[in-house]
Amino acid sequence: MDDLITFLNNQYASDERDSGGPENTNNGVRPRWDQRRLLAEIAAKRHLLHGHRPGHFAVTWDMDDEPEYHLACAVCRTDVGPEIWPCRHVPLLALPYAGQPGYRDEWRVALDYGGVVPSPRRARTDKLAPEAGDLI
C-alpha cells in the first residue's frame, strides 16, 4: 500500500504547484480560494497521512485457524484490537482525487451520512501472536 501514500503525496505536491500565488489573478480579480488556506489544508492532510502510517504488525486468523500477519495503523484501534492498514482514514484522504490518473478503485470508500460504510478490517486479539522464535 505504499502506492497509496505515494499517490497522495504526489497529489499534495501537485496541489501546491497549482495553488499559484498571491499575484495569481484573473483580470485583476483574485480567485475565490485563499492560497494560505489551501496550503494549510495540504499541510493538515500530510499530517493526517503521517499519523495514520503503518506502525506495527497485527495478527489475524484465517478460516483454517492459521495466523496471518498484517501491517496495522499506528493510531487506529477497534473494539478487538489494532486496525489493519490502511485504516479507514487513509482512503478517505484519497477520495477527492478519485478522478486523477493513478487512483485505484480499491481505495474508494462509500460514504453514508458522513460516515464510512465498510467496516474496518480488524486484527483479532483473542489469540496471542507466536513468539518471534516460533516463526523460524
N, C-alpha and C. Protein backbone atom coordinates (compact mmCIF):
# COMPACT_ATOMS: atom_id res chain seq x y z
N MET A 1 0.80 -1.20 0.00
CA MET A 1 0.00 0.00 0.00
C MET A 1 0.84 1.26 0.00
N ASP A 2 2.15 1.12 -0.16
CA ASP A 2 2.98 2.31 -0.30
C ASP A 2 2.52 3.13 -1.50
N ASP A 3 1.88 2.47 -2.47
CA ASP A 3 1.38 3.18 -3.64
C ASP A 3 0.37 4.25 -3.24
N LEU A 4 -0.46 3.97 -2.24
CA LEU A 4 -1.45 4.94 -1.78
C LEU A 4 -0.76 6.14 -1.16
N ILE A 5 0.25 5.92 -0.36
CA ILE A 5 1.00 7.02 0.25
C ILE A 5 1.68 7.85 -0.84
N THR A 6 2.33 7.18 -1.79
CA THR A 6 2.99 7.88 -2.90
C THR A 6 1.98 8.67 -3.70
N PHE A 7 0.83 8.06 -4.01
CA PHE A 7 -0.22 8.74 -4.77
C PHE A 7 -0.65 10.01 -4.05
N LEU A 8 -0.93 9.91 -2.75
CA LEU A 8 -1.39 11.08 -2.01
C LEU A 8 -0.32 12.16 -1.94
N ASN A 9 0.92 11.78 -1.68
CA ASN A 9 1.99 12.79 -1.63
C ASN A 9 2.16 13.48 -2.98
N ASN A 10 2.01 12.74 -4.08
CA ASN A 10 2.09 13.35 -5.41
C ASN A 10 0.94 14.32 -5.64
N GLN A 11 -0.27 13.97 -5.18
CA GLN A 11 -1.42 14.87 -5.34
C GLN A 11 -1.23 16.14 -4.52
N TYR A 12 -0.70 16.00 -3.30
CA TYR A 12 -0.48 17.18 -2.47
C TYR A 12 0.57 18.10 -3.10
N ALA A 13 1.61 17.52 -3.67
CA ALA A 13 2.64 18.33 -4.35
C ALA A 13 2.03 19.04 -5.55
N SER A 14 1.18 18.36 -6.29
CA SER A 14 0.51 18.97 -7.44
C SER A 14 -0.41 20.11 -6.98
N ASP A 15 -1.14 19.90 -5.89
CA ASP A 15 -2.00 20.96 -5.36
C ASP A 15 -1.18 22.19 -4.98
N GLU A 16 -0.01 21.96 -4.38
CA GLU A 16 0.86 23.08 -4.01
C GLU A 16 1.32 23.84 -5.25
N ARG A 17 1.73 23.10 -6.29
CA ARG A 17 2.17 23.76 -7.53
C ARG A 17 1.03 24.54 -8.18
N ASP A 18 -0.16 23.94 -8.16
CA ASP A 18 -1.31 24.57 -8.80
C ASP A 18 -1.89 25.72 -8.00
N SER A 19 -1.46 25.88 -6.76
CA SER A 19 -2.04 26.93 -5.92
C SER A 19 -1.68 28.32 -6.41
N GLY A 20 -0.63 28.41 -7.25
CA GLY A 20 -0.24 29.73 -7.73
C GLY A 20 0.32 30.56 -6.60
N GLY A 21 -0.01 31.79 -6.60
CA GLY A 21 0.47 32.67 -5.55
C GLY A 21 -0.45 33.86 -5.40
N PRO A 22 -0.14 34.77 -4.50
CA PRO A 22 -0.99 35.93 -4.29
C PRO A 22 -1.15 36.78 -5.56
N GLU A 23 -0.15 36.73 -6.44
CA GLU A 23 -0.21 37.51 -7.68
C GLU A 23 -1.04 36.82 -8.75
N ASN A 24 -1.50 35.62 -8.49
CA ASN A 24 -2.27 34.84 -9.46
C ASN A 24 -3.70 35.37 -9.50
N THR A 25 -4.02 36.18 -10.51
CA THR A 25 -5.35 36.77 -10.62
C THR A 25 -5.91 36.53 -12.00
N ASN A 26 -7.20 36.74 -12.14
CA ASN A 26 -7.89 36.62 -13.41
C ASN A 26 -8.45 38.00 -13.75
N ASN A 27 -7.77 38.73 -14.64
CA ASN A 27 -8.16 40.10 -15.00
C ASN A 27 -8.24 41.00 -13.77
N GLY A 28 -7.30 40.84 -12.88
CA GLY A 28 -7.24 41.69 -11.70
C GLY A 28 -8.13 41.23 -10.56
N VAL A 29 -8.90 40.18 -10.76
CA VAL A 29 -9.78 39.67 -9.71
C VAL A 29 -9.11 38.46 -9.06
N ARG A 30 -8.97 38.53 -7.76
CA ARG A 30 -8.34 37.41 -7.04
C ARG A 30 -9.25 36.19 -7.08
N PRO A 31 -8.68 35.00 -7.13
CA PRO A 31 -9.51 33.79 -7.12
C PRO A 31 -10.27 33.67 -5.80
N ARG A 32 -11.35 32.89 -5.81
CA ARG A 32 -12.17 32.71 -4.61
C ARG A 32 -11.41 32.02 -3.49
N TRP A 33 -10.52 31.11 -3.85
CA TRP A 33 -9.79 30.38 -2.82
C TRP A 33 -8.63 31.23 -2.32
N ASP A 34 -8.26 30.98 -1.12
CA ASP A 34 -7.15 31.67 -0.48
C ASP A 34 -5.96 30.72 -0.47
N GLN A 35 -4.85 31.15 -1.03
CA GLN A 35 -3.67 30.28 -1.11
C GLN A 35 -3.23 29.82 0.28
N ARG A 36 -3.27 30.69 1.26
CA ARG A 36 -2.86 30.29 2.62
C ARG A 36 -3.76 29.19 3.16
N ARG A 37 -5.06 29.28 2.90
CA ARG A 37 -5.97 28.24 3.35
C ARG A 37 -5.68 26.93 2.64
N LEU A 38 -5.43 27.00 1.33
CA LEU A 38 -5.14 25.80 0.57
C LEU A 38 -3.85 25.13 1.07
N LEU A 39 -2.82 25.92 1.30
CA LEU A 39 -1.56 25.35 1.78
C LEU A 39 -1.71 24.80 3.19
N ALA A 40 -2.54 25.44 4.03
CA ALA A 40 -2.80 24.92 5.37
C ALA A 40 -3.56 23.59 5.28
N GLU A 41 -4.49 23.50 4.32
CA GLU A 41 -5.24 22.25 4.13
C GLU A 41 -4.30 21.12 3.69
N ILE A 42 -3.39 21.41 2.79
CA ILE A 42 -2.42 20.40 2.34
C ILE A 42 -1.54 19.95 3.50
N ALA A 43 -1.09 20.90 4.32
CA ALA A 43 -0.27 20.56 5.48
C ALA A 43 -1.05 19.68 6.45
N ALA A 44 -2.34 19.97 6.65
CA ALA A 44 -3.16 19.17 7.55
C ALA A 44 -3.33 17.75 7.00
N LYS A 45 -3.54 17.62 5.69
CA LYS A 45 -3.68 16.29 5.08
C LYS A 45 -2.39 15.49 5.23
N ARG A 46 -1.25 16.16 5.02
CA ARG A 46 0.03 15.46 5.19
C ARG A 46 0.21 15.00 6.63
N HIS A 47 -0.20 15.82 7.57
CA HIS A 47 -0.08 15.47 8.99
C HIS A 47 -0.95 14.24 9.30
N LEU A 48 -2.17 14.22 8.78
CA LEU A 48 -3.05 13.05 8.98
C LEU A 48 -2.46 11.81 8.34
N LEU A 49 -1.94 11.95 7.12
CA LEU A 49 -1.35 10.80 6.43
C LEU A 49 -0.17 10.25 7.21
N HIS A 50 0.67 11.14 7.73
CA HIS A 50 1.82 10.70 8.52
C HIS A 50 1.37 10.00 9.81
N GLY A 51 0.34 10.53 10.45
CA GLY A 51 -0.15 9.93 11.69
C GLY A 51 -0.75 8.55 11.49
N HIS A 52 -1.38 8.35 10.34
CA HIS A 52 -2.04 7.07 10.07
C HIS A 52 -1.18 6.15 9.21
N ARG A 53 0.11 6.21 9.43
CA ARG A 53 1.05 5.35 8.69
C ARG A 53 1.03 3.95 9.29
N PRO A 54 1.55 2.97 8.54
CA PRO A 54 1.69 1.64 9.14
C PRO A 54 2.65 1.72 10.31
N GLY A 55 2.25 1.17 11.45
CA GLY A 55 3.07 1.33 12.63
C GLY A 55 3.64 0.06 13.21
N HIS A 56 2.93 -1.04 13.10
CA HIS A 56 3.39 -2.29 13.70
C HIS A 56 2.64 -3.44 13.04
N PHE A 57 2.97 -4.65 13.42
CA PHE A 57 2.30 -5.82 12.85
C PHE A 57 1.12 -6.23 13.72
N ALA A 58 0.11 -6.74 13.07
CA ALA A 58 -1.06 -7.30 13.75
C ALA A 58 -1.29 -8.69 13.21
N VAL A 59 -2.00 -9.49 13.98
CA VAL A 59 -2.25 -10.88 13.59
C VAL A 59 -3.74 -11.09 13.44
N THR A 60 -4.12 -11.75 12.34
CA THR A 60 -5.49 -12.24 12.18
C THR A 60 -5.38 -13.74 11.94
N TRP A 61 -6.51 -14.43 12.02
CA TRP A 61 -6.52 -15.86 11.78
C TRP A 61 -7.43 -16.17 10.61
N ASP A 62 -6.97 -17.01 9.71
CA ASP A 62 -7.77 -17.37 8.54
C ASP A 62 -8.78 -18.46 8.90
N MET A 63 -9.49 -18.94 7.91
CA MET A 63 -10.54 -19.94 8.14
C MET A 63 -9.99 -21.25 8.70
N ASP A 64 -8.72 -21.55 8.43
CA ASP A 64 -8.10 -22.77 8.93
C ASP A 64 -7.40 -22.54 10.26
N ASP A 65 -7.68 -21.39 10.88
CA ASP A 65 -7.09 -21.03 12.16
C ASP A 65 -5.58 -20.86 12.07
N GLU A 66 -5.11 -20.45 10.90
CA GLU A 66 -3.69 -20.17 10.71
C GLU A 66 -3.48 -18.66 10.86
N PRO A 67 -2.39 -18.25 11.50
CA PRO A 67 -2.16 -16.81 11.66
C PRO A 67 -1.77 -16.15 10.33
N GLU A 68 -2.23 -14.92 10.15
CA GLU A 68 -1.83 -14.07 9.02
C GLU A 68 -1.33 -12.76 9.62
N TYR A 69 -0.24 -12.28 9.11
CA TYR A 69 0.38 -11.09 9.66
C TYR A 69 0.15 -9.91 8.72
N HIS A 70 -0.25 -8.79 9.28
CA HIS A 70 -0.58 -7.59 8.53
C HIS A 70 0.07 -6.38 9.19
N LEU A 71 0.27 -5.35 8.39
CA LEU A 71 0.64 -4.07 8.97
C LEU A 71 -0.61 -3.46 9.60
N ALA A 72 -0.43 -2.78 10.69
CA ALA A 72 -1.55 -2.13 11.38
C ALA A 72 -1.30 -0.63 11.42
N CYS A 73 -2.39 0.13 11.46
CA CYS A 73 -2.28 1.58 11.57
C CYS A 73 -1.61 1.94 12.89
N ALA A 74 -0.79 2.97 12.85
CA ALA A 74 -0.05 3.39 14.05
C ALA A 74 -0.96 3.94 15.14
N VAL A 75 -2.15 4.43 14.78
CA VAL A 75 -3.00 5.07 15.79
C VAL A 75 -4.39 4.45 15.94
N CYS A 76 -4.92 3.83 14.90
CA CYS A 76 -6.32 3.37 14.95
C CYS A 76 -6.45 2.04 15.68
N ARG A 77 -7.49 1.97 16.49
CA ARG A 77 -7.81 0.75 17.21
C ARG A 77 -9.30 0.52 17.06
N THR A 78 -9.69 -0.72 17.19
CA THR A 78 -11.10 -1.08 17.17
C THR A 78 -11.42 -1.74 18.50
N ASP A 79 -12.63 -2.21 18.62
CA ASP A 79 -13.02 -2.87 19.87
C ASP A 79 -12.30 -4.20 20.09
N VAL A 80 -11.69 -4.76 19.04
CA VAL A 80 -11.00 -6.04 19.19
C VAL A 80 -9.49 -5.94 18.96
N GLY A 81 -8.97 -4.75 18.77
CA GLY A 81 -7.53 -4.62 18.60
C GLY A 81 -7.16 -3.60 17.54
N PRO A 82 -5.92 -3.66 17.07
CA PRO A 82 -5.46 -2.68 16.10
C PRO A 82 -6.18 -2.83 14.76
N GLU A 83 -6.32 -1.71 14.06
CA GLU A 83 -6.96 -1.73 12.75
C GLU A 83 -5.91 -2.00 11.67
N ILE A 84 -6.21 -2.94 10.78
CA ILE A 84 -5.29 -3.29 9.70
C ILE A 84 -5.11 -2.08 8.79
N TRP A 85 -3.86 -1.88 8.32
CA TRP A 85 -3.54 -0.76 7.45
C TRP A 85 -3.80 -1.13 6.00
N PRO A 86 -4.34 -0.25 5.16
CA PRO A 86 -4.69 1.12 5.51
C PRO A 86 -5.97 1.16 6.32
N CYS A 87 -5.96 1.97 7.36
CA CYS A 87 -7.15 2.13 8.18
C CYS A 87 -8.22 2.85 7.36
N ARG A 88 -9.36 3.04 7.93
CA ARG A 88 -10.47 3.67 7.20
C ARG A 88 -10.20 5.14 6.89
N HIS A 89 -9.23 5.77 7.53
CA HIS A 89 -8.98 7.19 7.32
C HIS A 89 -8.14 7.48 6.08
N VAL A 90 -7.17 6.63 5.77
CA VAL A 90 -6.26 6.91 4.65
C VAL A 90 -6.99 6.92 3.31
N PRO A 91 -7.85 5.95 3.00
CA PRO A 91 -8.58 6.03 1.72
C PRO A 91 -9.48 7.27 1.63
N LEU A 92 -9.96 7.77 2.76
CA LEU A 92 -10.76 8.99 2.73
C LEU A 92 -9.94 10.18 2.24
N LEU A 93 -8.65 10.20 2.60
CA LEU A 93 -7.78 11.29 2.13
C LEU A 93 -7.62 11.25 0.61
N ALA A 94 -7.74 10.06 0.01
CA ALA A 94 -7.59 9.92 -1.44
C ALA A 94 -8.87 10.21 -2.20
N LEU A 95 -10.01 10.20 -1.54
CA LEU A 95 -11.29 10.34 -2.21
C LEU A 95 -11.42 11.60 -3.08
N PRO A 96 -10.94 12.77 -2.66
CA PRO A 96 -11.04 13.94 -3.54
C PRO A 96 -10.26 13.81 -4.85
N TYR A 97 -9.35 12.86 -4.91
CA TYR A 97 -8.51 12.68 -6.09
C TYR A 97 -8.96 11.47 -6.92
N ALA A 98 -10.18 11.01 -6.72
CA ALA A 98 -10.67 9.80 -7.38
C ALA A 98 -10.62 9.90 -8.91
N GLY A 99 -10.71 11.07 -9.47
CA GLY A 99 -10.68 11.21 -10.93
C GLY A 99 -9.30 11.38 -11.51
N GLN A 100 -8.28 11.38 -10.68
CA GLN A 100 -6.91 11.63 -11.14
C GLN A 100 -6.27 10.34 -11.65
N PRO A 101 -5.37 10.48 -12.64
CA PRO A 101 -4.64 9.29 -13.10
C PRO A 101 -3.87 8.67 -11.92
N GLY A 102 -3.88 7.36 -11.86
CA GLY A 102 -3.18 6.65 -10.80
C GLY A 102 -4.08 6.26 -9.64
N TYR A 103 -5.28 6.84 -9.56
CA TYR A 103 -6.21 6.47 -8.49
C TYR A 103 -6.72 5.06 -8.75
N ARG A 104 -6.81 4.26 -7.68
CA ARG A 104 -7.27 2.87 -7.81
C ARG A 104 -8.65 2.72 -7.18
N ASP A 105 -9.50 1.96 -7.83
CA ASP A 105 -10.84 1.72 -7.29
C ASP A 105 -10.80 1.02 -5.94
N GLU A 106 -9.75 0.26 -5.67
CA GLU A 106 -9.65 -0.44 -4.37
C GLU A 106 -9.54 0.55 -3.21
N TRP A 107 -9.19 1.81 -3.50
CA TRP A 107 -9.09 2.82 -2.45
C TRP A 107 -10.43 3.51 -2.20
N ARG A 108 -11.39 3.31 -3.09
CA ARG A 108 -12.67 4.01 -2.99
C ARG A 108 -13.45 3.50 -1.79
N VAL A 109 -14.04 4.42 -1.07
CA VAL A 109 -14.90 4.07 0.05
C VAL A 109 -16.27 4.68 -0.21
N ALA A 110 -17.29 4.03 0.30
CA ALA A 110 -18.65 4.57 0.19
C ALA A 110 -18.93 5.40 1.43
N LEU A 111 -19.53 6.53 1.21
CA LEU A 111 -19.89 7.40 2.33
C LEU A 111 -21.39 7.39 2.52
N ASP A 112 -21.81 7.40 3.76
CA ASP A 112 -23.22 7.44 4.07
C ASP A 112 -23.40 8.34 5.28
N TYR A 113 -24.06 9.47 5.10
CA TYR A 113 -24.30 10.42 6.18
C TYR A 113 -22.99 10.85 6.84
N GLY A 114 -21.96 11.00 6.02
CA GLY A 114 -20.69 11.47 6.54
C GLY A 114 -19.84 10.39 7.19
N GLY A 115 -20.30 9.15 7.19
CA GLY A 115 -19.53 8.08 7.81
C GLY A 115 -19.09 7.07 6.77
N VAL A 116 -18.10 6.32 7.08
CA VAL A 116 -17.61 5.28 6.18
C VAL A 116 -18.48 4.06 6.33
N VAL A 117 -18.98 3.54 5.22
CA VAL A 117 -19.86 2.38 5.26
C VAL A 117 -19.11 1.09 5.54
N PRO A 118 -18.02 0.78 4.79
CA PRO A 118 -17.36 -0.51 5.05
C PRO A 118 -16.80 -0.56 6.46
N SER A 119 -16.95 -1.69 7.11
CA SER A 119 -16.37 -1.82 8.44
C SER A 119 -14.87 -2.02 8.29
N PRO A 120 -14.09 -1.50 9.21
CA PRO A 120 -12.64 -1.63 9.11
C PRO A 120 -12.20 -3.08 9.28
N ARG A 121 -11.11 -3.41 8.63
CA ARG A 121 -10.50 -4.73 8.83
C ARG A 121 -9.81 -4.69 10.18
N ARG A 122 -10.06 -5.69 10.98
CA ARG A 122 -9.53 -5.66 12.34
C ARG A 122 -8.67 -6.87 12.63
N ALA A 123 -7.72 -6.65 13.47
CA ALA A 123 -6.90 -7.76 13.94
C ALA A 123 -7.56 -8.33 15.19
N ARG A 124 -7.65 -9.63 15.26
CA ARG A 124 -8.23 -10.27 16.45
C ARG A 124 -7.16 -10.36 17.52
N THR A 125 -7.57 -10.09 18.72
CA THR A 125 -6.63 -10.17 19.84
C THR A 125 -7.01 -11.29 20.81
N ASP A 126 -7.99 -12.12 20.40
CA ASP A 126 -8.36 -13.20 21.29
C ASP A 126 -7.35 -14.34 21.27
N LYS A 127 -6.41 -14.28 20.34
CA LYS A 127 -5.32 -15.24 20.30
C LYS A 127 -4.01 -14.45 20.30
N LEU A 128 -3.05 -14.98 20.94
CA LEU A 128 -1.77 -14.29 21.00
C LEU A 128 -0.92 -14.63 19.81
N ALA A 129 -0.12 -13.67 19.37
CA ALA A 129 0.80 -13.91 18.27
C ALA A 129 1.91 -14.84 18.76
N PRO A 130 2.42 -15.68 17.87
CA PRO A 130 3.51 -16.56 18.28
C PRO A 130 4.75 -15.73 18.60
N GLU A 131 5.59 -16.30 19.41
CA GLU A 131 6.85 -15.64 19.72
C GLU A 131 7.71 -15.60 18.47
N ALA A 132 8.61 -14.65 18.39
CA ALA A 132 9.45 -14.49 17.20
C ALA A 132 10.21 -15.78 16.89
N GLY A 133 10.68 -16.49 17.90
CA GLY A 133 11.41 -17.73 17.69
C GLY A 133 10.56 -18.84 17.12
N ASP A 134 9.24 -18.76 17.35
CA ASP A 134 8.33 -19.79 16.82
C ASP A 134 8.14 -19.67 15.32
N LEU A 135 8.50 -18.55 14.74
CA LEU A 135 8.31 -18.33 13.32
C LEU A 135 9.44 -18.90 12.47
N ILE A 136 10.53 -19.28 13.10
CA ILE A 136 11.70 -19.78 12.36
C ILE A 136 11.57 -21.25 12.10
